[in-house]
Amino acid sequence: MAKNFKQLQEKMSPERRTRVKARVDAALKTLALDELREARKLTQTQLATLLEVDQGSVSKMERRTDMYISTLRSYIEAMGGALQIRAVFPDGEVQIHQFGEE
């Protein structure tokens, strides 16, 4: 019989709960667009309304492996976020501002 996660969590040691939370937090930092939308509790139809496109366009956007930065920015902003582009090097990272809003 399936157990409620909360019951299982209560049986975990504090150290294990901390490790699990760290893994969940790390997983949430690397999401595909559809996973990000779902994590933000939005349907494709809701996002399509915000973007003023049809649901099929959102579906296509989420399956693309290459898109314009402006398209990605619109997608992220429709969910209430802000797109930031950065280059990561062994000795640090640099925020790229070339692709700012027009």
PDB file of N, CA and C in Angstrom:
ATOM      1  N   MET A   1       0.840  -1.176   0.000  1.00  0.00           N
ATOM      2  CA  MET A   1       0.000   0.000   0.000  1.00  0.00           C
ATOM      3  C   MET A   1       0.893   1.251   0.000  1.00  0.00           C
ATOM      4  N   ALA A   2       0.524   2.233  -0.815  1.00  0.00           N
ATOM      5  CA  ALA A   2       1.308   3.465  -0.917  1.00  0.00           C
ATOM      6  C   ALA A   2       1.198   4.269   0.374  1.00  0.00           C
ATOM      7  N   LYS A   3       2.319   4.886   0.736  1.00  0.00           N
ATOM      8  CA  LYS A   3       2.343   5.697   1.948  1.00  0.00           C
ATOM      9  C   LYS A   3       2.382   7.178   1.572  1.00  0.00           C
ATOM     10  N   ASN A   4       1.794   7.970   2.403  1.00  0.00           N
ATOM     11  CA  ASN A   4       1.813   9.406   2.249  1.00  0.00           C
ATOM     12  C   ASN A   4       3.255   9.891   2.409  1.00  0.00           C
ATOM     13  N   PHE A   5       3.698  10.789   1.515  1.00  0.00           N
ATOM     14  CA  PHE A   5       5.071  11.270   1.580  1.00  0.00           C
ATOM     15  C   PHE A   5       5.367  11.945   2.913  1.00  0.00           C
ATOM     16  N   LYS A   6       4.381  12.658   3.426  1.00  0.00           N
ATOM     17  CA  LYS A   6       4.588  13.349   4.701  1.00  0.00           C
ATOM     18  C   LYS A   6       4.905  12.349   5.813  1.00  0.00           C
ATOM     19  N   GLN A   7       4.244  11.177   5.801  1.00  0.00           N
ATOM     20  CA  GLN A   7       4.519  10.146   6.804  1.00  0.00           C
ATOM     21  C   GLN A   7       5.947   9.625   6.653  1.00  0.00           C
ATOM     22  N   LEU A   8       6.350   9.393   5.410  1.00  0.00           N
ATOM     23  CA  LEU A   8       7.718   8.920   5.161  1.00  0.00           C
ATOM     24  C   LEU A   8       8.737   9.977   5.580  1.00  0.00           C
ATOM     25  N   GLN A   9       8.434  11.220   5.284  1.00  0.00           N
ATOM     26  CA  GLN A   9       9.353  12.303   5.618  1.00  0.00           C
ATOM     27  C   GLN A   9       9.533  12.432   7.131  1.00  0.00           C
ATOM     28  N   GLU A  10       8.455  12.221   7.874  1.00  0.00           N
ATOM     29  CA  GLU A  10       8.544  12.315   9.336  1.00  0.00           C
ATOM     30  C   GLU A  10       9.476  11.257   9.922  1.00  0.00           C
ATOM     31  N   LYS A  11       9.633  10.136   9.227  1.00  0.00           N
ATOM     32  CA  LYS A  11      10.512   9.070   9.699  1.00  0.00           C
ATOM     33  C   LYS A  11      11.978   9.320   9.356  1.00  0.00           C
ATOM     34  N   MET A  12      12.226  10.288   8.462  1.00  0.00           N
ATOM     35  CA  MET A  12      13.602  10.582   8.040  1.00  0.00           C
ATOM     36  C   MET A  12      14.338  11.369   9.118  1.00  0.00           C
ATOM     37  N   SER A  13      15.636  11.149   9.171  1.00  0.00           N
ATOM     38  CA  SER A  13      16.466  11.942  10.086  1.00  0.00           C
ATOM     39  C   SER A  13      16.560  13.368   9.533  1.00  0.00           C
ATOM     40  N   PRO A  14      16.855  14.332  10.375  1.00  0.00           N
ATOM     41  CA  PRO A  14      17.021  15.712   9.895  1.00  0.00           C
ATOM     42  C   PRO A  14      18.088  15.825   8.805  1.00  0.00           C
ATOM     43  N   GLU A  15      19.163  15.039   8.943  1.00  0.00           N
ATOM     44  CA  GLU A  15      20.229  15.075   7.933  1.00  0.00           C
ATOM     45  C   GLU A  15      19.706  14.586   6.582  1.00  0.00           C
ATOM     46  N   ARG A  16      18.927  13.521   6.609  1.00  0.00           N
ATOM     47  CA  ARG A  16      18.395  12.978   5.359  1.00  0.00           C
ATOM     48  C   ARG A  16      17.410  13.955   4.739  1.00  0.00           C
ATOM     49  N   ARG A  17      16.566  14.591   5.546  1.00  0.00           N
ATOM     50  CA  ARG A  17      15.627  15.590   5.020  1.00  0.00           C
ATOM     51  C   ARG A  17      16.389  16.722   4.348  1.00  0.00           C
ATOM     52  N   THR A  18      17.504  17.131   4.942  1.00  0.00           N
ATOM     53  CA  THR A  18      18.330  18.194   4.362  1.00  0.00           C
ATOM     54  C   THR A  18      18.900  17.755   3.018  1.00  0.00           C
ATOM     55  N   ARG A  19      19.389  16.508   2.945  1.00  0.00           N
ATOM     56  CA  ARG A  19      19.936  15.989   1.682  1.00  0.00           C
ATOM     57  C   ARG A  19      18.855  15.910   0.601  1.00  0.00           C
ATOM     58  N   VAL A  20      17.671  15.444   0.971  1.00  0.00           N
ATOM     59  CA  VAL A  20      16.569  15.341   0.010  1.00  0.00           C
ATOM     60  C   VAL A  20      16.182  16.729  -0.497  1.00  0.00           C
ATOM     61  N   LYS A  21      16.071  17.692   0.414  1.00  0.00           N
ATOM     62  CA  LYS A  21      15.725  19.055   0.019  1.00  0.00           C
ATOM     63  C   LYS A  21      16.764  19.625  -0.929  1.00  0.00           C
ATOM     64  N   ALA A  22      18.035  19.359  -0.674  1.00  0.00           N
ATOM     65  CA  ALA A  22      19.110  19.849  -1.541  1.00  0.00           C
ATOM     66  C   ALA A  22      18.984  19.248  -2.943  1.00  0.00           C
ATOM     67  N   ARG A  23      18.666  17.954  -3.024  1.00  0.00           N
ATOM     68  CA  ARG A  23      18.490  17.309  -4.338  1.00  0.00           C
ATOM     69  C   ARG A  23      17.294  17.890  -5.083  1.00  0.00           C
ATOM     70  N   VAL A  24      16.205  18.128  -4.376  1.00  0.00           N
ATOM     71  CA  VAL A  24      15.012  18.713  -4.997  1.00  0.00           C
ATOM     72  C   VAL A  24      15.323  20.118  -5.487  1.00  0.00           C
ATOM     73  N   ASP A  25      15.969  20.919  -4.654  1.00  0.00           N
ATOM     74  CA  ASP A  25      16.331  22.283  -5.044  1.00  0.00           C
ATOM     75  C   ASP A  25      17.228  22.281  -6.279  1.00  0.00           C
ATOM     76  N   ALA A  26      18.185  21.366  -6.341  1.00  0.00           N
ATOM     77  CA  ALA A  26      19.086  21.271  -7.496  1.00  0.00           C
ATOM     78  C   ALA A  26      18.312  20.872  -8.747  1.00  0.00           C
ATOM     79  N   ALA A  27      17.391  19.931  -8.605  1.00  0.00           N
ATOM     80  CA  ALA A  27      16.592  19.482  -9.748  1.00  0.00           C
ATOM     81  C   ALA A  27      15.720  20.616 -10.283  1.00  0.00           C
ATOM     82  N   LEU A  28      15.203  21.451  -9.398  1.00  0.00           N
ATOM     83  CA  LEU A  28      14.357  22.562  -9.819  1.00  0.00           C
ATOM     84  C   LEU A  28      15.134  23.656 -10.537  1.00  0.00           C
ATOM     85  N   LYS A  29      16.456  23.632 -10.434  1.00  0.00           N
ATOM     86  CA  LYS A  29      17.277  24.640 -11.093  1.00  0.00           C
ATOM     87  C   LYS A  29      17.626  24.248 -12.522  1.00  0.00           C
ATOM     88  N   THR A  30      17.294  23.034 -12.929  1.00  0.00           N
ATOM     89  CA  THR A  30      17.567  22.579 -14.286  1.00  0.00           C
ATOM     90  C   THR A  30      16.309  21.926 -14.850  1.00  0.00           C
ATOM     91  N   LEU A  31      15.486  22.728 -15.477  1.00  0.00           N
ATOM     92  CA  LEU A  31      14.220  22.237 -16.009  1.00  0.00           C
ATOM     93  C   LEU A  31      14.088  22.558 -17.488  1.00  0.00           C
ATOM     94  N   ALA A  32      13.412  21.682 -18.208  1.00  0.00           N
ATOM     95  CA  ALA A  32      13.020  21.977 -19.579  1.00  0.00           C
ATOM     96  C   ALA A  32      11.866  22.979 -19.514  1.00  0.00           C
ATOM     97  N   LEU A  33      11.559  23.650 -20.608  1.00  0.00           N
ATOM     98  CA  LEU A  33      10.512  24.664 -20.589  1.00  0.00           C
ATOM     99  C   LEU A  33       9.168  24.118 -20.118  1.00  0.00           C
ATOM    100  N   ASP A  34       8.785  22.926 -20.582  1.00  0.00           N
ATOM    101  CA  ASP A  34       7.490  22.376 -20.153  1.00  0.00           C
ATOM    102  C   ASP A  34       7.497  22.064 -18.659  1.00  0.00           C
ATOM    103  N   GLU A  35       8.626  21.603 -18.148  1.00  0.00           N
ATOM    104  CA  GLU A  35       8.732  21.318 -16.714  1.00  0.00           C
ATOM    105  C   GLU A  35       8.687  22.618 -15.905  1.00  0.00           C
ATOM    106  N   LEU A  36       9.307  23.664 -16.434  1.00  0.00           N
ATOM    107  CA  LEU A  36       9.285  24.962 -15.775  1.00  0.00           C
ATOM    108  C   LEU A  36       7.851  25.492 -15.723  1.00  0.00           C
ATOM    109  N   ARG A  37       7.142  25.388 -16.843  1.00  0.00           N
ATOM    110  CA  ARG A  37       5.749  25.846 -16.890  1.00  0.00           C
ATOM    111  C   ARG A  37       4.906  25.090 -15.879  1.00  0.00           C
ATOM    112  N   GLU A  38       5.078  23.768 -15.820  1.00  0.00           N
ATOM    113  CA  GLU A  38       4.313  22.951 -14.876  1.00  0.00           C
ATOM    114  C   GLU A  38       4.675  23.293 -13.428  1.00  0.00           C
ATOM    115  N   ALA A  39       5.951  23.550 -13.175  1.00  0.00           N
ATOM    116  CA  ALA A  39       6.376  23.927 -11.824  1.00  0.00           C
ATOM    117  C   ALA A  39       5.767  25.267 -11.417  1.00  0.00           C
ATOM    118  N   ARG A  40       5.509  26.126 -12.398  1.00  0.00           N
ATOM    119  CA  ARG A  40       4.870  27.422 -12.133  1.00  0.00           C
ATOM    120  C   ARG A  40       3.346  27.280 -12.096  1.00  0.00           C
ATOM    121  N   LYS A  41       2.864  26.039 -12.197  1.00  0.00           N
ATOM    122  CA  LYS A  41       1.429  25.724 -12.121  1.00  0.00           C
ATOM    123  C   LYS A  41       0.612  26.405 -13.225  1.00  0.00           C
ATOM    124  N   LEU A  42       1.164  26.363 -14.445  1.00  0.00           N
ATOM    125  CA  LEU A  42       0.474  26.913 -15.604  1.00  0.00           C
ATOM    126  C   LEU A  42       0.235  25.816 -16.628  1.00  0.00           C
ATOM    127  N   THR A  43      -0.901  25.883 -17.305  1.00  0.00           N
ATOM    128  CA  THR A  43      -1.158  24.976 -18.419  1.00  0.00           C
ATOM    129  C   THR A  43      -0.667  25.646 -19.698  1.00  0.00           C
ATOM    130  N   GLN A  44      -0.559  24.863 -20.764  1.00  0.00           N
ATOM    131  CA  GLN A  44      -0.178  25.453 -22.046  1.00  0.00           C
ATOM    132  C   GLN A  44      -1.225  26.470 -22.484  1.00  0.00           C
ATOM    133  N   THR A  45      -2.488  26.182 -22.227  1.00  0.00           N
ATOM    134  CA  THR A  45      -3.569  27.089 -22.619  1.00  0.00           C
ATOM    135  C   THR A  45      -3.467  28.414 -21.862  1.00  0.00           C
ATOM    136  N   GLN A  46      -3.188  28.348 -20.569  1.00  0.00           N
ATOM    137  CA  GLN A  46      -3.044  29.579 -19.784  1.00  0.00           C
ATOM    138  C   GLN A  46      -1.857  30.405 -20.286  1.00  0.00           C
ATOM    139  N   LEU A  47      -0.745  29.741 -20.550  1.00  0.00           N
ATOM    140  CA  LEU A  47       0.434  30.445 -21.034  1.00  0.00           C
ATOM    141  C   LEU A  47       0.172  31.020 -22.428  1.00  0.00           C
ATOM    142  N   ALA A  48      -0.539  30.273 -23.256  1.00  0.00           N
ATOM    143  CA  ALA A  48      -0.874  30.759 -24.597  1.00  0.00           C
ATOM    144  C   ALA A  48      -1.682  32.049 -24.508  1.00  0.00           C
ATOM    145  N   THR A  49      -2.619  32.109 -23.570  1.00  0.00           N
ATOM    146  CA  THR A  49      -3.413  33.317 -23.382  1.00  0.00           C
ATOM    147  C   THR A  49      -2.513  34.487 -22.993  1.00  0.00           C
ATOM    148  N   LEU A  50      -1.587  34.262 -22.077  1.00  0.00           N
ATOM    149  CA  LEU A  50      -0.663  35.314 -21.653  1.00  0.00           C
ATOM    150  C   LEU A  50       0.219  35.790 -22.807  1.00  0.00           C
ATOM    151  N   LEU A  51       0.619  34.856 -23.668  1.00  0.00           N
ATOM    152  CA  LEU A  51       1.487  35.181 -24.808  1.00  0.00           C
ATOM    153  C   LEU A  51       0.705  35.661 -26.032  1.00  0.00           C
ATOM    154  N   GLU A  52      -0.623  35.562 -25.953  1.00  0.00           N
ATOM    155  CA  GLU A  52      -1.501  35.922 -27.065  1.00  0.00           C
ATOM    156  C   GLU A  52      -1.207  35.102 -28.317  1.00  0.00           C
ATOM    157  N   VAL A  53      -1.034  33.784 -28.099  1.00  0.00           N
ATOM    158  CA  VAL A  53      -0.855  32.816 -29.185  1.00  0.00           C
ATOM    159  C   VAL A  53      -1.793  31.651 -28.894  1.00  0.00           C
ATOM    160  N   ASP A  54      -1.846  30.676 -29.806  1.00  0.00           N
ATOM    161  CA  ASP A  54      -2.678  29.510 -29.521  1.00  0.00           C
ATOM    162  C   ASP A  54      -1.884  28.452 -28.760  1.00  0.00           C
ATOM    163  N   GLN A  55      -2.586  27.516 -28.166  1.00  0.00           N
ATOM    164  CA  GLN A  55      -1.958  26.474 -27.342  1.00  0.00           C
ATOM    165  C   GLN A  55      -0.958  25.661 -28.149  1.00  0.00           C
ATOM    166  N   GLY A  56      -1.241  25.425 -29.412  1.00  0.00           N
ATOM    167  CA  GLY A  56      -0.328  24.671 -30.265  1.00  0.00           C
ATOM    168  C   GLY A  56       1.032  25.345 -30.406  1.00  0.00           C
ATOM    169  N   SER A  57       1.024  26.668 -30.433  1.00  0.00           N
ATOM    170  CA  SER A  57       2.287  27.410 -30.526  1.00  0.00           C
ATOM    171  C   SER A  57       3.135  27.212 -29.281  1.00  0.00           C
ATOM    172  N   VAL A  58       2.480  27.169 -28.119  1.00  0.00           N
ATOM    173  CA  VAL A  58       3.215  26.926 -26.873  1.00  0.00           C
ATOM    174  C   VAL A  58       3.803  25.518 -26.900  1.00  0.00           C
ATOM    175  N   SER A  59       3.014  24.557 -27.354  1.00  0.00           N
ATOM    176  CA  SER A  59       3.491  23.177 -27.447  1.00  0.00           C
ATOM    177  C   SER A  59       4.721  23.087 -28.348  1.00  0.00           C
ATOM    178  N   LYS A  60       4.671  23.732 -29.504  1.00  0.00           N
ATOM    179  CA  LYS A  60       5.812  23.732 -30.426  1.00  0.00           C
ATOM    180  C   LYS A  60       7.031  24.394 -29.796  1.00  0.00           C
ATOM    181  N   MET A  61       6.796  25.514 -29.094  1.00  0.00           N
ATOM    182  CA  MET A  61       7.889  26.234 -28.441  1.00  0.00           C
ATOM    183  C   MET A  61       8.598  25.325 -27.436  1.00  0.00           C
ATOM    184  N   GLU A  62       7.820  24.571 -26.676  1.00  0.00           N
ATOM    185  CA  GLU A  62       8.389  23.719 -25.637  1.00  0.00           C
ATOM    186  C   GLU A  62       9.169  22.531 -26.203  1.00  0.00           C
ATOM    187  N   ARG A  63       8.897  22.160 -27.437  1.00  0.00           N
ATOM    188  CA  ARG A  63       9.606  21.026 -28.047  1.00  0.00           C
ATOM    189  C   ARG A  63      10.836  21.454 -28.834  1.00  0.00           C
ATOM    190  N   ARG A  64      10.974  22.738 -29.086  1.00  0.00           N
ATOM    191  CA  ARG A  64      12.099  23.224 -29.885  1.00  0.00           C
ATOM    192  C   ARG A  64      13.408  23.079 -29.133  1.00  0.00           C
ATOM    193  N   THR A  65      14.456  22.813 -29.869  1.00  0.00           N
ATOM    194  CA  THR A  65      15.792  22.773 -29.271  1.00  0.00           C
ATOM    195  C   THR A  65      16.573  24.042 -29.602  1.00  0.00           C
ATOM    196  N   ASP A  66      16.000  24.896 -30.463  1.00  0.00           N
ATOM    197  CA  ASP A  66      16.651  26.132 -30.861  1.00  0.00           C
ATOM    198  C   ASP A  66      15.559  27.171 -31.095  1.00  0.00           C
ATOM    199  N   MET A  67      15.735  28.379 -30.549  1.00  0.00           N
ATOM    200  CA  MET A  67      14.747  29.432 -30.753  1.00  0.00           C
ATOM    201  C   MET A  67      15.409  30.787 -30.584  1.00  0.00           C
ATOM    202  N   TYR A  68      14.710  31.817 -31.034  1.00  0.00           N
ATOM    203  CA  TYR A  68      15.194  33.170 -30.851  1.00  0.00           C
ATOM    204  C   TYR A  68      15.206  33.507 -29.361  1.00  0.00           C
ATOM    205  N   ILE A  69      16.169  34.304 -28.979  1.00  0.00           N
ATOM    206  CA  ILE A  69      16.255  34.745 -27.582  1.00  0.00           C
ATOM    207  C   ILE A  69      15.016  35.558 -27.227  1.00  0.00           C
ATOM    208  N   SER A  70      14.513  36.344 -28.160  1.00  0.00           N
ATOM    209  CA  SER A  70      13.321  37.157 -27.892  1.00  0.00           C
ATOM    210  C   SER A  70      12.105  36.274 -27.623  1.00  0.00           C
ATOM    211  N   THR A  71      12.017  35.138 -28.294  1.00  0.00           N
ATOM    212  CA  THR A  71      10.909  34.203 -28.068  1.00  0.00           C
ATOM    213  C   THR A  71      11.021  33.596 -26.682  1.00  0.00           C
ATOM    214  N   LEU A  72      12.214  33.181 -26.314  1.00  0.00           N
ATOM    215  CA  LEU A  72      12.441  32.616 -24.986  1.00  0.00           C
ATOM    216  C   LEU A  72      12.164  33.658 -23.904  1.00  0.00           C
ATOM    217  N   ARG A  73      12.600  34.905 -24.137  1.00  0.00           N
ATOM    218  CA  ARG A  73      12.361  35.978 -23.175  1.00  0.00           C
ATOM    219  C   ARG A  73      10.851  36.163 -22.971  1.00  0.00           C
ATOM    220  N   SER A  74      10.088  36.196 -24.050  1.00  0.00           N
ATOM    221  CA  SER A  74       8.634  36.368 -23.942  1.00  0.00           C
ATOM    222  C   SER A  74       8.002  35.236 -23.142  1.00  0.00           C
ATOM    223  N   TYR A  75       8.448  34.022 -23.391  1.00  0.00           N
ATOM    224  CA  TYR A  75       7.936  32.833 -22.686  1.00  0.00           C
ATOM    225  C   TYR A  75       8.192  32.972 -21.182  1.00  0.00           C
ATOM    226  N   ILE A  76       9.415  33.318 -20.818  1.00  0.00           N
ATOM    227  CA  ILE A  76       9.794  33.448 -19.410  1.00  0.00           C
ATOM    228  C   ILE A  76       9.050  34.612 -18.753  1.00  0.00           C
ATOM    229  N   GLU A  77       8.970  35.741 -19.427  1.00  0.00           N
ATOM    230  CA  GLU A  77       8.299  36.904 -18.859  1.00  0.00           C
ATOM    231  C   GLU A  77       6.805  36.662 -18.680  1.00  0.00           C
ATOM    232  N   ALA A  78       6.188  35.872 -19.562  1.00  0.00           N
ATOM    233  CA  ALA A  78       4.765  35.556 -19.430  1.00  0.00           C
ATOM    234  C   ALA A  78       4.491  34.772 -18.150  1.00  0.00           C
ATOM    235  N   MET A  79       5.509  34.061 -17.661  1.00  0.00           N
ATOM    236  CA  MET A  79       5.359  33.310 -16.409  1.00  0.00           C
ATOM    237  C   MET A  79       5.753  34.150 -15.204  1.00  0.00           C
ATOM    238  N   GLY A  80       6.123  35.403 -15.436  1.00  0.00           N
ATOM    239  CA  GLY A  80       6.488  36.278 -14.330  1.00  0.00           C
ATOM    240  C   GLY A  80       7.971  36.341 -14.038  1.00  0.00           C
ATOM    241  N   GLY A  81       8.780  35.765 -14.910  1.00  0.00           N
ATOM    242  CA  GLY A  81      10.224  35.747 -14.692  1.00  0.00           C
ATOM    243  C   GLY A  81      10.951  36.750 -15.561  1.00  0.00           C
ATOM    244  N   ALA A  82      12.255  36.706 -15.492  1.00  0.00           N
ATOM    245  CA  ALA A  82      13.118  37.549 -16.315  1.00  0.00           C
ATOM    246  C   ALA A  82      14.247  36.670 -16.854  1.00  0.00           C
ATOM    247  N   LEU A  83      14.503  36.772 -18.135  1.00  0.00           N
ATOM    248  CA  LEU A  83      15.562  35.986 -18.753  1.00  0.00           C
ATOM    249  C   LEU A  83      16.900  36.674 -18.553  1.00  0.00           C
ATOM    250  N   GLN A  84      17.881  35.928 -18.084  1.00  0.00           N
ATOM    251  CA  GLN A  84      19.246  36.422 -17.957  1.00  0.00           C
ATOM    252  C   GLN A  84      20.156  35.448 -18.694  1.00  0.00           C
ATOM    253  N   ILE A  85      21.079  35.998 -19.439  1.00  0.00           N
ATOM    254  CA  ILE A  85      22.032  35.164 -20.173  1.00  0.00           C
ATOM    255  C   ILE A  85      23.413  35.437 -19.604  1.00  0.00           C
ATOM    256  N   ARG A  86      24.121  34.374 -19.265  1.00  0.00           N
ATOM    257  CA  ARG A  86      25.447  34.528 -18.690  1.00  0.00           C
ATOM    258  C   ARG A  86      26.382  33.493 -19.286  1.00  0.00           C
ATOM    259  N   ALA A  87      27.635  33.865 -19.334  1.00  0.00           N
ATOM    260  CA  ALA A  87      28.690  32.953 -19.769  1.00  0.00           C
ATOM    261  C   ALA A  87      29.432  32.502 -18.516  1.00  0.00           C
ATOM    262  N   VAL A  88      29.647  31.202 -18.407  1.00  0.00           N
ATOM    263  CA  VAL A  88      30.308  30.650 -17.223  1.00  0.00           C
ATOM    264  C   VAL A  88      31.672  30.109 -17.626  1.00  0.00           C
ATOM    265  N   PHE A  89      32.708  30.611 -16.948  1.00  0.00           N
ATOM    266  CA  PHE A  89      34.080  30.210 -17.208  1.00  0.00           C
ATOM    267  C   PHE A  89      34.669  29.616 -15.930  1.00  0.00           C
ATOM    268  N   PRO A  90      35.766  28.878 -16.037  1.00  0.00           N
ATOM    269  CA  PRO A  90      36.375  28.314 -14.827  1.00  0.00           C
ATOM    270  C   PRO A  90      36.725  29.368 -13.767  1.00  0.00           C
ATOM    271  N   ASP A  91      37.053  30.587 -14.230  1.00  0.00           N
ATOM    272  CA  ASP A  91      37.452  31.618 -13.269  1.00  0.00           C
ATOM    273  C   ASP A  91      36.333  32.606 -12.934  1.00  0.00           C
ATOM    274  N   GLY A  92      35.118  32.319 -13.351  1.00  0.00           N
ATOM    275  CA  GLY A  92      33.990  33.194 -13.008  1.00  0.00           C
ATOM    276  C   GLY A  92      32.945  33.225 -14.094  1.00  0.00           C
ATOM    277  N   GLU A  93      31.958  34.085 -13.897  1.00  0.00           N
ATOM    278  CA  GLU A  93      30.899  34.195 -14.894  1.00  0.00           C
ATOM    279  C   GLU A  93      30.664  35.648 -15.250  1.00  0.00           C
ATOM    280  N   VAL A  94      30.063  35.854 -16.434  1.00  0.00           N
ATOM    281  CA  VAL A  94      29.817  37.187 -16.953  1.00  0.00           C
ATOM    282  C   VAL A  94      28.385  37.261 -17.433  1.00  0.00           C
ATOM    283  N   GLN A  95      27.662  38.277 -16.985  1.00  0.00           N
ATOM    284  CA  GLN A  95      26.295  38.521 -17.467  1.00  0.00           C
ATOM    285  C   GLN A  95      26.377  39.140 -18.850  1.00  0.00           C
ATOM    286  N   ILE A  96      25.650  38.609 -19.822  1.00  0.00           N
ATOM    287  CA  ILE A  96      25.645  39.120 -21.189  1.00  0.00           C
ATOM    288  C   ILE A  96      24.466  40.063 -21.350  1.00  0.00           C
ATOM    289  N   HIS A  97      24.733  41.312 -21.733  1.00  0.00           N
ATOM    290  CA  HIS A  97      23.668  42.300 -21.874  1.00  0.00           C
ATOM    291  C   HIS A  97      23.352  42.628 -23.331  1.00  0.00           C
ATOM    292  N   GLN A  98      24.049  42.019 -24.274  1.00  0.00           N
ATOM    293  CA  GLN A  98      23.855  42.305 -25.687  1.00  0.00           C
ATOM    294  C   GLN A  98      22.428  42.010 -26.153  1.00  0.00           C
ATOM    295  N   PHE A  99      21.772  41.069 -25.483  1.00  0.00           N
ATOM    296  CA  PHE A  99      20.453  40.624 -25.903  1.00  0.00           C
ATOM    297  C   PHE A  99      19.338  41.257 -25.074  1.00  0.00           C
ATOM    298  N   GLY A 100      19.591  42.478 -24.586  1.00  0.00           N
ATOM    299  CA  GLY A 100      18.588  43.185 -23.804  1.00  0.00           C
ATOM    300  C   GLY A 100      17.360  43.474 -24.638  1.00  0.00           C
ATOM    301  N   GLU A 101      16.328  43.961 -23.978  1.00  0.00           N
ATOM    302  CA  GLU A 101      15.089  44.268 -24.688  1.00  0.00           C
ATOM    303  C   GLU A 101      15.331  45.367 -25.707  1.00  0.00           C
ATOM    304  N   GLU A 102      14.588  45.278 -26.795  1.00  0.00           N
ATOM    305  CA  GLU A 102      14.751  46.218 -27.895  1.00  0.00           C
ATOM    306  C   GLU A 102      14.104  47.537 -27.571  1.00  0.00           C
TER     307      GLU A 102
END
